Amino acid sequence: MKSEDTPFEGGPMDGRVLPILLGPTGQPPKTYRIPVPDAAGGPPTVLVYRRAPRGHSRRLGLPQGWKYEYDPEGIKDSRPRWPWSKPDTPPRADPDTTPPGKPDDTDE
């Protein structure tokens, strides 16, 4: 397996460089999760880093290597983001309310 030294920015891993295994396409994974054990013996804390381009070439604008940036929220991507997928929207508080911009259904 091939690996690449990849820098980390932000969070507890700021300034460190780790060898990251590359996938079959020659790129590191999009997200990198680091479990940190709890000192009290509880569940481990998971640090989440997202892949970002390190720089771009002048002529074609292609990425010249990768780096990982800290994601403090660490929201897990549960499904692929296809162009035809519905966006994640929070559920409405009251299902009987009329959506904004729609006329009310009243019996008058």
PDB file of N, CA and C in Angstrom:
ATOM      1  N   MET A   1       0.843  -1.172   0.000  1.00  0.00           N
ATOM      2  CA  MET A   1       0.000   0.000   0.000  1.00  0.00           C
ATOM      3  C   MET A   1       0.894   1.242   0.000  1.00  0.00           C
ATOM      4  N   LYS A   2       0.424   2.261  -0.669  1.00  0.00           N
ATOM      5  CA  LYS A   2       1.154   3.503  -0.781  1.00  0.00           C
ATOM      6  C   LYS A   2       0.628   4.489   0.263  1.00  0.00           C
ATOM      7  N   SER A   3       1.511   5.297   0.836  1.00  0.00           N
ATOM      8  CA  SER A   3       1.092   6.296   1.809  1.00  0.00           C
ATOM      9  C   SER A   3       1.716   7.641   1.456  1.00  0.00           C
ATOM     10  N   GLU A   4       1.137   8.696   2.025  1.00  0.00           N
ATOM     11  CA  GLU A   4       1.589  10.059   1.769  1.00  0.00           C
ATOM     12  C   GLU A   4       1.614  10.818   3.088  1.00  0.00           C
ATOM     13  N   ASP A   5       2.678  11.580   3.338  1.00  0.00           N
ATOM     14  CA  ASP A   5       2.743  12.412   4.539  1.00  0.00           C
ATOM     15  C   ASP A   5       1.766  13.571   4.375  1.00  0.00           C
ATOM     16  N   THR A   6       0.772  13.635   5.256  1.00  0.00           N
ATOM     17  CA  THR A   6      -0.305  14.614   5.146  1.00  0.00           C
ATOM     18  C   THR A   6      -0.337  15.491   6.394  1.00  0.00           C
ATOM     19  N   PRO A   7      -0.309  16.830   6.227  1.00  0.00           N
ATOM     20  CA  PRO A   7      -0.359  17.727   7.392  1.00  0.00           C
ATOM     21  C   PRO A   7      -1.788  17.880   7.926  1.00  0.00           C
ATOM     22  N   PHE A   8      -1.890  18.164   9.234  1.00  0.00           N
ATOM     23  CA  PHE A   8      -3.165  18.412   9.896  1.00  0.00           C
ATOM     24  C   PHE A   8      -3.191  19.865  10.352  1.00  0.00           C
ATOM     25  N   GLU A   9      -4.336  20.538  10.160  1.00  0.00           N
ATOM     26  CA  GLU A   9      -4.497  21.930  10.572  1.00  0.00           C
ATOM     27  C   GLU A   9      -5.685  22.059  11.512  1.00  0.00           C
ATOM     28  N   GLY A  10      -5.500  22.797  12.601  1.00  0.00           N
ATOM     29  CA  GLY A  10      -6.568  23.047  13.552  1.00  0.00           C
ATOM     30  C   GLY A  10      -6.750  21.897  14.530  1.00  0.00           C
ATOM     31  N   GLY A  11      -7.410  22.200  15.631  1.00  0.00           N
ATOM     32  CA  GLY A  11      -7.704  21.180  16.630  1.00  0.00           C
ATOM     33  C   GLY A  11      -6.466  20.689  17.355  1.00  0.00           C
ATOM     34  N   PRO A  12      -6.572  19.580  18.057  1.00  0.00           N
ATOM     35  CA  PRO A  12      -5.461  19.046  18.830  1.00  0.00           C
ATOM     36  C   PRO A  12      -4.295  18.538  17.986  1.00  0.00           C
ATOM     37  N   MET A  13      -4.519  18.208  16.733  1.00  0.00           N
ATOM     38  CA  MET A  13      -3.467  17.667  15.871  1.00  0.00           C
ATOM     39  C   MET A  13      -2.780  18.750  15.037  1.00  0.00           C
ATOM     40  N   ASP A  14      -2.995  20.019  15.350  1.00  0.00           N
ATOM     41  CA  ASP A  14      -2.466  21.125  14.560  1.00  0.00           C
ATOM     42  C   ASP A  14      -0.944  21.058  14.443  1.00  0.00           C
ATOM     43  N   GLY A  15      -0.448  21.132  13.207  1.00  0.00           N
ATOM     44  CA  GLY A  15       0.977  21.133  12.952  1.00  0.00           C
ATOM     45  C   GLY A  15       1.612  19.761  12.810  1.00  0.00           C
ATOM     46  N   ARG A  16       0.884  18.714  13.065  1.00  0.00           N
ATOM     47  CA  ARG A  16       1.454  17.363  12.939  1.00  0.00           C
ATOM     48  C   ARG A  16       1.317  16.855  11.507  1.00  0.00           C
ATOM     49  N   VAL A  17       2.238  15.989  11.132  1.00  0.00           N
ATOM     50  CA  VAL A  17       2.223  15.362   9.812  1.00  0.00           C
ATOM     51  C   VAL A  17       2.243  13.853  10.029  1.00  0.00           C
ATOM     52  N   LEU A  18       1.239  13.168   9.474  1.00  0.00           N
ATOM     53  CA  LEU A  18       1.140  11.716   9.621  1.00  0.00           C
ATOM     54  C   LEU A  18       1.133  11.047   8.256  1.00  0.00           C
ATOM     55  N   PRO A  19       1.696   9.848   8.153  1.00  0.00           N
ATOM     56  CA  PRO A  19       1.576   9.105   6.894  1.00  0.00           C
ATOM     57  C   PRO A  19       0.168   8.507   6.786  1.00  0.00           C
ATOM     58  N   ILE A  20      -0.549   8.868   5.734  1.00  0.00           N
ATOM     59  CA  ILE A  20      -1.929   8.423   5.525  1.00  0.00           C
ATOM     60  C   ILE A  20      -1.945   7.482   4.325  1.00  0.00           C
ATOM     61  N   LEU A  21      -2.592   6.324   4.488  1.00  0.00           N
ATOM     62  CA  LEU A  21      -2.708   5.373   3.379  1.00  0.00           C
ATOM     63  C   LEU A  21      -3.590   5.948   2.273  1.00  0.00           C
ATOM     64  N   LEU A  22      -3.159   5.773   1.039  1.00  0.00           N
ATOM     65  CA  LEU A  22      -3.911   6.264  -0.105  1.00  0.00           C
ATOM     66  C   LEU A  22      -4.830   5.174  -0.619  1.00  0.00           C
ATOM     67  N   GLY A  23      -5.938   5.590  -1.200  1.00  0.00           N
ATOM     68  CA  GLY A  23      -6.895   4.647  -1.753  1.00  0.00           C
ATOM     69  C   GLY A  23      -6.493   4.207  -3.148  1.00  0.00           C
ATOM     70  N   PRO A  24      -7.343   3.444  -3.817  1.00  0.00           N
ATOM     71  CA  PRO A  24      -7.013   2.956  -5.160  1.00  0.00           C
ATOM     72  C   PRO A  24      -6.879   4.068  -6.200  1.00  0.00           C
ATOM     73  N   THR A  25      -7.454   5.248  -5.933  1.00  0.00           N
ATOM     74  CA  THR A  25      -7.347   6.370  -6.871  1.00  0.00           C
ATOM     75  C   THR A  25      -6.126   7.238  -6.594  1.00  0.00           C
ATOM     76  N   GLY A  26      -5.371   6.930  -5.537  1.00  0.00           N
ATOM     77  CA  GLY A  26      -4.190   7.711  -5.201  1.00  0.00           C
ATOM     78  C   GLY A  26      -4.481   8.896  -4.312  1.00  0.00           C
ATOM     79  N   GLN A  27      -5.668   8.961  -3.721  1.00  0.00           N
ATOM     80  CA  GLN A  27      -6.044  10.066  -2.837  1.00  0.00           C
ATOM     81  C   GLN A  27      -6.294   9.532  -1.433  1.00  0.00           C
ATOM     82  N   PRO A  28      -6.026  10.359  -0.415  1.00  0.00           N
ATOM     83  CA  PRO A  28      -6.362   9.949   0.957  1.00  0.00           C
ATOM     84  C   PRO A  28      -7.876   9.995   1.166  1.00  0.00           C
ATOM     85  N   PRO A  29      -8.391   9.371   2.224  1.00  0.00           N
ATOM     86  CA  PRO A  29      -9.843   9.392   2.467  1.00  0.00           C
ATOM     87  C   PRO A  29     -10.359  10.807   2.717  1.00  0.00           C
ATOM     88  N   LYS A  30     -11.647  11.046   2.428  1.00  0.00           N
ATOM     89  CA  LYS A  30     -12.242  12.378   2.591  1.00  0.00           C
ATOM     90  C   LYS A  30     -12.320  12.792   4.050  1.00  0.00           C
ATOM     91  N   THR A  31     -12.597  11.847   4.932  1.00  0.00           N
ATOM     92  CA  THR A  31     -12.629  12.151   6.367  1.00  0.00           C
ATOM     93  C   THR A  31     -11.657  11.230   7.078  1.00  0.00           C
ATOM     94  N   TYR A  32     -11.044  11.757   8.136  1.00  0.00           N
ATOM     95  CA  TYR A  32     -10.100  10.982   8.936  1.00  0.00           C
ATOM     96  C   TYR A  32     -10.540  11.108  10.380  1.00  0.00           C
ATOM     97  N   ARG A  33     -10.888  10.002  11.013  1.00  0.00           N
ATOM     98  CA  ARG A  33     -11.387   9.990  12.387  1.00  0.00           C
ATOM     99  C   ARG A  33     -10.313   9.423  13.306  1.00  0.00           C
ATOM    100  N   ILE A  34     -10.061  10.154  14.410  1.00  0.00           N
ATOM    101  CA  ILE A  34      -9.050   9.744  15.376  1.00  0.00           C
ATOM    102  C   ILE A  34      -9.742   9.526  16.715  1.00  0.00           C
ATOM    103  N   PRO A  35      -9.862   8.276  17.199  1.00  0.00           N
ATOM    104  CA  PRO A  35     -10.459   8.055  18.518  1.00  0.00           C
ATOM    105  C   PRO A  35      -9.444   8.372  19.620  1.00  0.00           C
ATOM    106  N   VAL A  36      -9.861   9.181  20.581  1.00  0.00           N
ATOM    107  CA  VAL A  36      -9.011   9.545  21.720  1.00  0.00           C
ATOM    108  C   VAL A  36      -9.637   8.925  22.967  1.00  0.00           C
ATOM    109  N   PRO A  37      -8.932   8.007  23.652  1.00  0.00           N
ATOM    110  CA  PRO A  37      -9.533   7.358  24.824  1.00  0.00           C
ATOM    111  C   PRO A  37      -9.774   8.352  25.961  1.00  0.00           C
ATOM    112  N   ASP A  38     -10.851   8.112  26.705  1.00  0.00           N
ATOM    113  CA  ASP A  38     -11.200   8.952  27.844  1.00  0.00           C
ATOM    114  C   ASP A  38     -10.367   8.524  29.054  1.00  0.00           C
ATOM    115  N   ALA A  39      -9.855   9.492  29.820  1.00  0.00           N
ATOM    116  CA  ALA A  39      -9.023   9.183  30.990  1.00  0.00           C
ATOM    117  C   ALA A  39      -9.824   8.492  32.089  1.00  0.00           C
ATOM    118  N   ALA A  40     -11.136   8.782  32.156  1.00  0.00           N
ATOM    119  CA  ALA A  40     -11.978   8.202  33.190  1.00  0.00           C
ATOM    120  C   ALA A  40     -12.529   6.829  32.798  1.00  0.00           C
ATOM    121  N   GLY A  41     -12.190   6.352  31.626  1.00  0.00           N
ATOM    122  CA  GLY A  41     -12.667   5.039  31.205  1.00  0.00           C
ATOM    123  C   GLY A  41     -13.998   5.072  30.479  1.00  0.00           C
ATOM    124  N   GLY A  42     -14.494   6.262  30.142  1.00  0.00           N
ATOM    125  CA  GLY A  42     -15.762   6.387  29.425  1.00  0.00           C
ATOM    126  C   GLY A  42     -15.575   6.148  27.939  1.00  0.00           C
ATOM    127  N   PRO A  43     -16.583   6.486  27.162  1.00  0.00           N
ATOM    128  CA  PRO A  43     -16.473   6.296  25.711  1.00  0.00           C
ATOM    129  C   PRO A  43     -15.422   7.247  25.128  1.00  0.00           C
ATOM    130  N   PRO A  44     -14.707   6.805  24.100  1.00  0.00           N
ATOM    131  CA  PRO A  44     -13.662   7.658  23.531  1.00  0.00           C
ATOM    132  C   PRO A  44     -14.245   8.849  22.775  1.00  0.00           C
ATOM    133  N   THR A  45     -13.503   9.949  22.759  1.00  0.00           N
ATOM    134  CA  THR A  45     -13.858  11.119  21.974  1.00  0.00           C
ATOM    135  C   THR A  45     -13.274  10.928  20.577  1.00  0.00           C
ATOM    136  N   VAL A  46     -14.038  11.250  19.560  1.00  0.00           N
ATOM    137  CA  VAL A  46     -13.576  11.064  18.183  1.00  0.00           C
ATOM    138  C   VAL A  46     -13.316  12.434  17.568  1.00  0.00           C
ATOM    139  N   LEU A  47     -12.069  12.657  17.130  1.00  0.00           N
ATOM    140  CA  LEU A  47     -11.705  13.885  16.421  1.00  0.00           C
ATOM    141  C   LEU A  47     -11.923  13.641  14.933  1.00  0.00           C
ATOM    142  N   VAL A  48     -12.590  14.579  14.262  1.00  0.00           N
ATOM    143  CA  VAL A  48     -12.901  14.417  12.842  1.00  0.00           C
ATOM    144  C   VAL A  48     -12.157  15.487  12.052  1.00  0.00           C
ATOM    145  N   TYR A  49     -11.436  15.048  11.026  1.00  0.00           N
ATOM    146  CA  TYR A  49     -10.724  15.947  10.119  1.00  0.00           C
ATOM    147  C   TYR A  49     -11.227  15.695   8.708  1.00  0.00           C
ATOM    148  N   ARG A  50     -11.409  16.769   7.946  1.00  0.00           N
ATOM    149  CA  ARG A  50     -11.883  16.694   6.563  1.00  0.00           C
ATOM    150  C   ARG A  50     -10.751  17.041   5.601  1.00  0.00           C
ATOM    151  N   ARG A  51     -10.693  16.343   4.478  1.00  0.00           N
ATOM    152  CA  ARG A  51      -9.662  16.563   3.474  1.00  0.00           C
ATOM    153  C   ARG A  51      -9.921  17.867   2.731  1.00  0.00           C
ATOM    154  N   ALA A  52      -8.857  18.630   2.490  1.00  0.00           N
ATOM    155  CA  ALA A  52      -8.927  19.872   1.723  1.00  0.00           C
ATOM    156  C   ALA A  52      -7.683  19.952   0.844  1.00  0.00           C
ATOM    157  N   PRO A  53      -7.768  20.620  -0.317  1.00  0.00           N
ATOM    158  CA  PRO A  53      -6.583  20.746  -1.160  1.00  0.00           C
ATOM    159  C   PRO A  53      -5.529  21.623  -0.495  1.00  0.00           C
ATOM    160  N   ARG A  54      -4.265  21.224  -0.611  1.00  0.00           N
ATOM    161  CA  ARG A  54      -3.155  21.980  -0.027  1.00  0.00           C
ATOM    162  C   ARG A  54      -2.839  23.205  -0.870  1.00  0.00           C
ATOM    163  N   GLY A  55      -2.974  23.090  -2.169  1.00  0.00           N
ATOM    164  CA  GLY A  55      -2.736  24.182  -3.110  1.00  0.00           C
ATOM    165  C   GLY A  55      -3.220  23.766  -4.486  1.00  0.00           C
ATOM    166  N   HIS A  56      -3.208  24.709  -5.421  1.00  0.00           N
ATOM    167  CA  HIS A  56      -3.667  24.433  -6.778  1.00  0.00           C
ATOM    168  C   HIS A  56      -2.582  24.811  -7.772  1.00  0.00           C
ATOM    169  N   SER A  57      -2.536  24.060  -8.885  1.00  0.00           N
ATOM    170  CA  SER A  57      -1.576  24.385  -9.928  1.00  0.00           C
ATOM    171  C   SER A  57      -2.013  25.666 -10.640  1.00  0.00           C
ATOM    172  N   ARG A  58      -1.067  26.361 -11.217  1.00  0.00           N
ATOM    173  CA  ARG A  58      -1.353  27.651 -11.837  1.00  0.00           C
ATOM    174  C   ARG A  58      -2.142  27.498 -13.124  1.00  0.00           C
ATOM    175  N   ARG A  59      -1.778  26.539 -13.927  1.00  0.00           N
ATOM    176  CA  ARG A  59      -2.339  26.464 -15.266  1.00  0.00           C
ATOM    177  C   ARG A  59      -3.725  25.809 -15.300  1.00  0.00           C
ATOM    178  N   LEU A  60      -3.861  24.629 -14.706  1.00  0.00           N
ATOM    179  CA  LEU A  60      -5.124  23.896 -14.788  1.00  0.00           C
ATOM    180  C   LEU A  60      -5.959  23.969 -13.525  1.00  0.00           C
ATOM    181  N   GLY A  61      -5.392  24.458 -12.440  1.00  0.00           N
ATOM    182  CA  GLY A  61      -6.137  24.551 -11.187  1.00  0.00           C
ATOM    183  C   GLY A  61      -6.334  23.225 -10.490  1.00  0.00           C
ATOM    184  N   LEU A  62      -5.467  22.254 -10.766  1.00  0.00           N
ATOM    185  CA  LEU A  62      -5.584  20.940 -10.138  1.00  0.00           C
ATOM    186  C   LEU A  62      -4.996  20.973  -8.731  1.00  0.00           C
ATOM    187  N   PRO A  63      -5.539  20.170  -7.803  1.00  0.00           N
ATOM    188  CA  PRO A  63      -4.989  20.145  -6.440  1.00  0.00           C
ATOM    189  C   PRO A  63      -3.568  19.584  -6.431  1.00  0.00           C
ATOM    190  N   GLN A  64      -2.679  20.240  -5.667  1.00  0.00           N
ATOM    191  CA  GLN A  64      -1.298  19.774  -5.522  1.00  0.00           C
ATOM    192  C   GLN A  64      -1.108  19.229  -4.124  1.00  0.00           C
ATOM    193  N   GLY A  65      -1.655  18.085  -3.872  1.00  0.00           N
ATOM    194  CA  GLY A  65      -1.554  17.475  -2.551  1.00  0.00           C
ATOM    195  C   GLY A  65      -2.753  17.813  -1.694  1.00  0.00           C
ATOM    196  N   TRP A  66      -2.795  17.174  -0.531  1.00  0.00           N
ATOM    197  CA  TRP A  66      -3.950  17.317   0.357  1.00  0.00           C
ATOM    198  C   TRP A  66      -3.498  17.621   1.771  1.00  0.00           C
ATOM    199  N   LYS A  67      -4.399  18.197   2.559  1.00  0.00           N
ATOM    200  CA  LYS A  67      -4.197  18.418   3.989  1.00  0.00           C
ATOM    201  C   LYS A  67      -5.526  18.101   4.661  1.00  0.00           C
ATOM    202  N   TYR A  68      -5.478  17.942   5.977  1.00  0.00           N
ATOM    203  CA  TYR A  68      -6.704  17.694   6.736  1.00  0.00           C
ATOM    204  C   TYR A  68      -6.989  18.891   7.625  1.00  0.00           C
ATOM    205  N   GLU A  69      -8.237  19.382   7.599  1.00  0.00           N
ATOM    206  CA  GLU A  69      -8.676  20.498   8.433  1.00  0.00           C
ATOM    207  C   GLU A  69      -9.636  19.970   9.489  1.00  0.00           C
ATOM    208  N   TYR A  70      -9.514  20.503  10.699  1.00  0.00           N
ATOM    209  CA  TYR A  70     -10.311  20.054  11.834  1.00  0.00           C
ATOM    210  C   TYR A  70     -11.770  20.442  11.649  1.00  0.00           C
ATOM    211  N   ASP A  71     -12.671  19.508  11.931  1.00  0.00           N
ATOM    212  CA  ASP A  71     -14.112  19.741  11.889  1.00  0.00           C
ATOM    213  C   ASP A  71     -14.637  19.584  13.314  1.00  0.00           C
ATOM    214  N   PRO A  72     -14.836  20.697  14.042  1.00  0.00           N
ATOM    215  CA  PRO A  72     -15.246  20.577  15.450  1.00  0.00           C
ATOM    216  C   PRO A  72     -16.617  19.944  15.630  1.00  0.00           C
ATOM    217  N   GLU A  73     -17.527  20.105  14.676  1.00  0.00           N
ATOM    218  CA  GLU A  73     -18.860  19.513  14.819  1.00  0.00           C
ATOM    219  C   GLU A  73     -18.815  18.017  14.557  1.00  0.00           C
ATOM    220  N   GLY A  74     -18.013  17.591  13.600  1.00  0.00           N
ATOM    221  CA  GLY A  74     -17.845  16.169  13.322  1.00  0.00           C
ATOM    222  C   GLY A  74     -19.107  15.477  12.880  1.00  0.00           C
ATOM    223  N   ILE A  75     -19.886  16.129  12.024  1.00  0.00           N
ATOM    224  CA  ILE A  75     -21.133  15.528  11.551  1.00  0.00           C
ATOM    225  C   ILE A  75     -20.792  14.382  10.615  1.00  0.00           C
ATOM    226  N   LYS A  76     -21.394  13.249  10.873  1.00  0.00           N
ATOM    227  CA  LYS A  76     -21.116  12.052  10.091  1.00  0.00           C
ATOM    228  C   LYS A  76     -21.925  12.077   8.799  1.00  0.00           C
ATOM    229  N   ASP A  77     -21.248  11.835   7.679  1.00  0.00           N
ATOM    230  CA  ASP A  77     -21.933  11.708   6.403  1.00  0.00           C
ATOM    231  C   ASP A  77     -22.484  10.297   6.311  1.00  0.00           C
ATOM    232  N   SER A  78     -23.809  10.173   6.371  1.00  0.00           N
ATOM    233  CA  SER A  78     -24.408   8.848   6.410  1.00  0.00           C
ATOM    234  C   SER A  78     -24.709   8.291   5.028  1.00  0.00           C
ATOM    235  N   ARG A  79     -24.713   9.157   4.016  1.00  0.00           N
ATOM    236  CA  ARG A  79     -25.046   8.679   2.684  1.00  0.00           C
ATOM    237  C   ARG A  79     -24.283   9.489   1.649  1.00  0.00           C
ATOM    238  N   PRO A  80     -24.167   8.961   0.440  1.00  0.00           N
ATOM    239  CA  PRO A  80     -23.488   9.727  -0.605  1.00  0.00           C
ATOM    240  C   PRO A  80     -24.303  10.954  -1.007  1.00  0.00           C
ATOM    241  N   ARG A  81     -23.632  11.993  -1.426  1.00  0.00           N
ATOM    242  CA  ARG A  81     -24.295  13.232  -1.842  1.00  0.00           C
ATOM    243  C   ARG A  81     -24.402  13.264  -3.360  1.00  0.00           C
ATOM    244  N   TRP A  82     -25.483  12.680  -3.869  1.00  0.00           N
ATOM    245  CA  TRP A  82     -25.710  12.689  -5.298  1.00  0.00           C
ATOM    246  C   TRP A  82     -26.462  13.950  -5.668  1.00  0.00           C
ATOM    247  N   PRO A  83     -26.334  14.422  -6.916  1.00  0.00           N
ATOM    248  CA  PRO A  83     -27.049  15.643  -7.316  1.00  0.00           C
ATOM    249  C   PRO A  83     -28.566  15.504  -7.211  1.00  0.00           C
ATOM    250  N   TRP A  84     -29.095  14.301  -7.332  1.00  0.00           N
ATOM    251  CA  TRP A  84     -30.536  14.124  -7.291  1.00  0.00           C
ATOM    252  C   TRP A  84     -31.054  13.772  -5.889  1.00  0.00           C
ATOM    253  N   SER A  85     -30.174  13.723  -4.889  1.00  0.00           N
ATOM    254  CA  SER A  85     -30.599  13.419  -3.520  1.00  0.00           C
ATOM    255  C   SER A  85     -31.298  14.622  -2.901  1.00  0.00           C
ATOM    256  N   LYS A  86     -32.251  14.334  -2.050  1.00  0.00           N
ATOM    257  CA  LYS A  86     -32.945  15.406  -1.339  1.00  0.00           C
ATOM    258  C   LYS A  86     -32.023  15.979  -0.270  1.00  0.00           C
ATOM    259  N   PRO A  87     -32.057  17.292  -0.044  1.00  0.00           N
ATOM    260  CA  PRO A  87     -31.210  17.870   0.998  1.00  0.00           C
ATOM    261  C   PRO A  87     -31.732  17.505   2.385  1.00  0.00           C
ATOM    262  N   ASP A  88     -30.823  17.496   3.346  1.00  0.00           N
ATOM    263  CA  ASP A  88     -31.219  17.224   4.725  1.00  0.00           C
ATOM    264  C   ASP A  88     -31.918  18.454   5.284  1.00  0.00           C
ATOM    265  N   THR A  89     -33.179  18.294   5.654  1.00  0.00           N
ATOM    266  CA  THR A  89     -33.930  19.390   6.251  1.00  0.00           C
ATOM    267  C   THR A  89     -34.443  18.928   7.603  1.00  0.00           C
ATOM    268  N   PRO A  90     -34.393  19.814   8.585  1.00  0.00           N
ATOM    269  CA  PRO A  90     -34.925  19.427   9.896  1.00  0.00           C
ATOM    270  C   PRO A  90     -36.442  19.292   9.836  1.00  0.00           C
ATOM    271  N   PRO A  91     -37.028  18.384  10.624  1.00  0.00           N
ATOM    272  CA  PRO A  91     -38.489  18.226  10.615  1.00  0.00           C
ATOM    273  C   PRO A  91     -39.164  19.475  11.173  1.00  0.00           C
ATOM    274  N   ARG A  92     -40.343  19.761  10.643  1.00  0.00           N
ATOM    275  CA  ARG A  92     -41.097  20.929  11.120  1.00  0.00           C
ATOM    276  C   ARG A  92     -41.613  20.656  12.518  1.00  0.00           C
ATOM    277  N   ALA A  93     -41.741  21.714  13.291  1.00  0.00           N
ATOM    278  CA  ALA A  93     -42.177  21.586  14.675  1.00  0.00           C
ATOM    279  C   ALA A  93     -43.639  21.128  14.754  1.00  0.00           C
ATOM    280  N   ASP A  94     -44.517  21.739  13.957  1.00  0.00           N
ATOM    281  CA  ASP A  94     -45.940  21.414  13.995  1.00  0.00           C
ATOM    282  C   ASP A  94     -46.372  20.963  12.600  1.00  0.00           C
ATOM    283  N   PRO A  95     -46.762  19.700  12.426  1.00  0.00           N
ATOM    284  CA  PRO A  95     -47.116  19.224  11.086  1.00  0.00           C
ATOM    285  C   PRO A  95     -48.400  19.836  10.539  1.00  0.00           C
ATOM    286  N   ASP A  96     -49.229  20.474  11.396  1.00  0.00           N
ATOM    287  CA  ASP A  96     -50.484  21.058  10.935  1.00  0.00           C
ATOM    288  C   ASP A  96     -50.318  22.475  10.408  1.00  0.00           C
ATOM    289  N   THR A  97     -49.141  23.060  10.522  1.00  0.00           N
ATOM    290  CA  THR A  97     -48.939  24.429  10.058  1.00  0.00           C
ATOM    291  C   THR A  97     -48.759  24.438   8.544  1.00  0.00           C
ATOM    292  N   THR A  98     -49.159  25.541   7.943  1.00  0.00           N
ATOM    293  CA  THR A  98     -49.022  25.707   6.498  1.00  0.00           C
ATOM    294  C   THR A  98     -47.606  26.187   6.197  1.00  0.00           C
ATOM    295  N   PRO A  99     -46.932  25.614   5.191  1.00  0.00           N
ATOM    296  CA  PRO A  99     -45.591  26.083   4.842  1.00  0.00           C
ATOM    297  C   PRO A  99     -45.617  27.541   4.424  1.00  0.00           C
ATOM    298  N   PRO A 100     -44.511  28.266   4.620  1.00  0.00           N
ATOM    299  CA  PRO A 100     -44.501  29.679   4.242  1.00  0.00           C
ATOM    300  C   PRO A 100     -44.674  29.844   2.730  1.00  0.00           C
ATOM    301  N   GLY A 101     -45.453  30.881   2.350  1.00  0.00           N
ATOM    302  CA  GLY A 101     -45.692  31.149   0.942  1.00  0.00           C
ATOM    303  C   GLY A 101     -46.859  30.401   0.356  1.00  0.00           C
ATOM    304  N   LYS A 102     -47.552  29.571   1.140  1.00  0.00           N
ATOM    305  CA  LYS A 102     -48.707  28.819   0.653  1.00  0.00           C
ATOM    306  C   LYS A 102     -49.980  29.414   1.270  1.00  0.00           C
ATOM    307  N   PRO A 103     -51.062  29.436   0.536  1.00  0.00           N
ATOM    308  CA  PRO A 103     -52.311  29.968   1.112  1.00  0.00           C
ATOM    309  C   PRO A 103     -52.876  28.995   2.142  1.00  0.00           C
ATOM    310  N   ASP A 104     -53.513  29.549   3.151  1.00  0.00           N
ATOM    311  CA  ASP A 104     -54.125  28.724   4.188  1.00  0.00           C
ATOM    312  C   ASP A 104     -55.393  28.057   3.637  1.00  0.00           C
ATOM    313  N   ASP A 105     -55.598  26.820   4.035  1.00  0.00           N
ATOM    314  CA  ASP A 105     -56.823  26.102   3.667  1.00  0.00           C
ATOM    315  C   ASP A 105     -57.876  26.414   4.728  1.00  0.00           C
ATOM    316  N   THR A 106     -58.747  27.364   4.437  1.00  0.00           N
ATOM    317  CA  THR A 106     -59.797  27.717   5.388  1.00  0.00           C
ATOM    318  C   THR A 106     -61.143  27.513   4.721  1.00  0.00           C
ATOM    319  N   ASP A 107     -62.106  27.155   5.502  1.00  0.00           N
ATOM    320  CA  ASP A 107     -63.458  26.951   5.008  1.00  0.00           C
ATOM    321  C   ASP A 107     -64.244  28.224   5.270  1.00  0.00           C
ATOM    322  N   GLU A 108     -64.308  29.124   4.324  1.00  0.00           N
ATOM    323  CA  GLU A 108     -65.064  30.358   4.492  1.00  0.00           C
ATOM    324  C   GLU A 108     -66.044  30.538   3.381  1.00  0.00           C
TER     325      GLU A 108
END
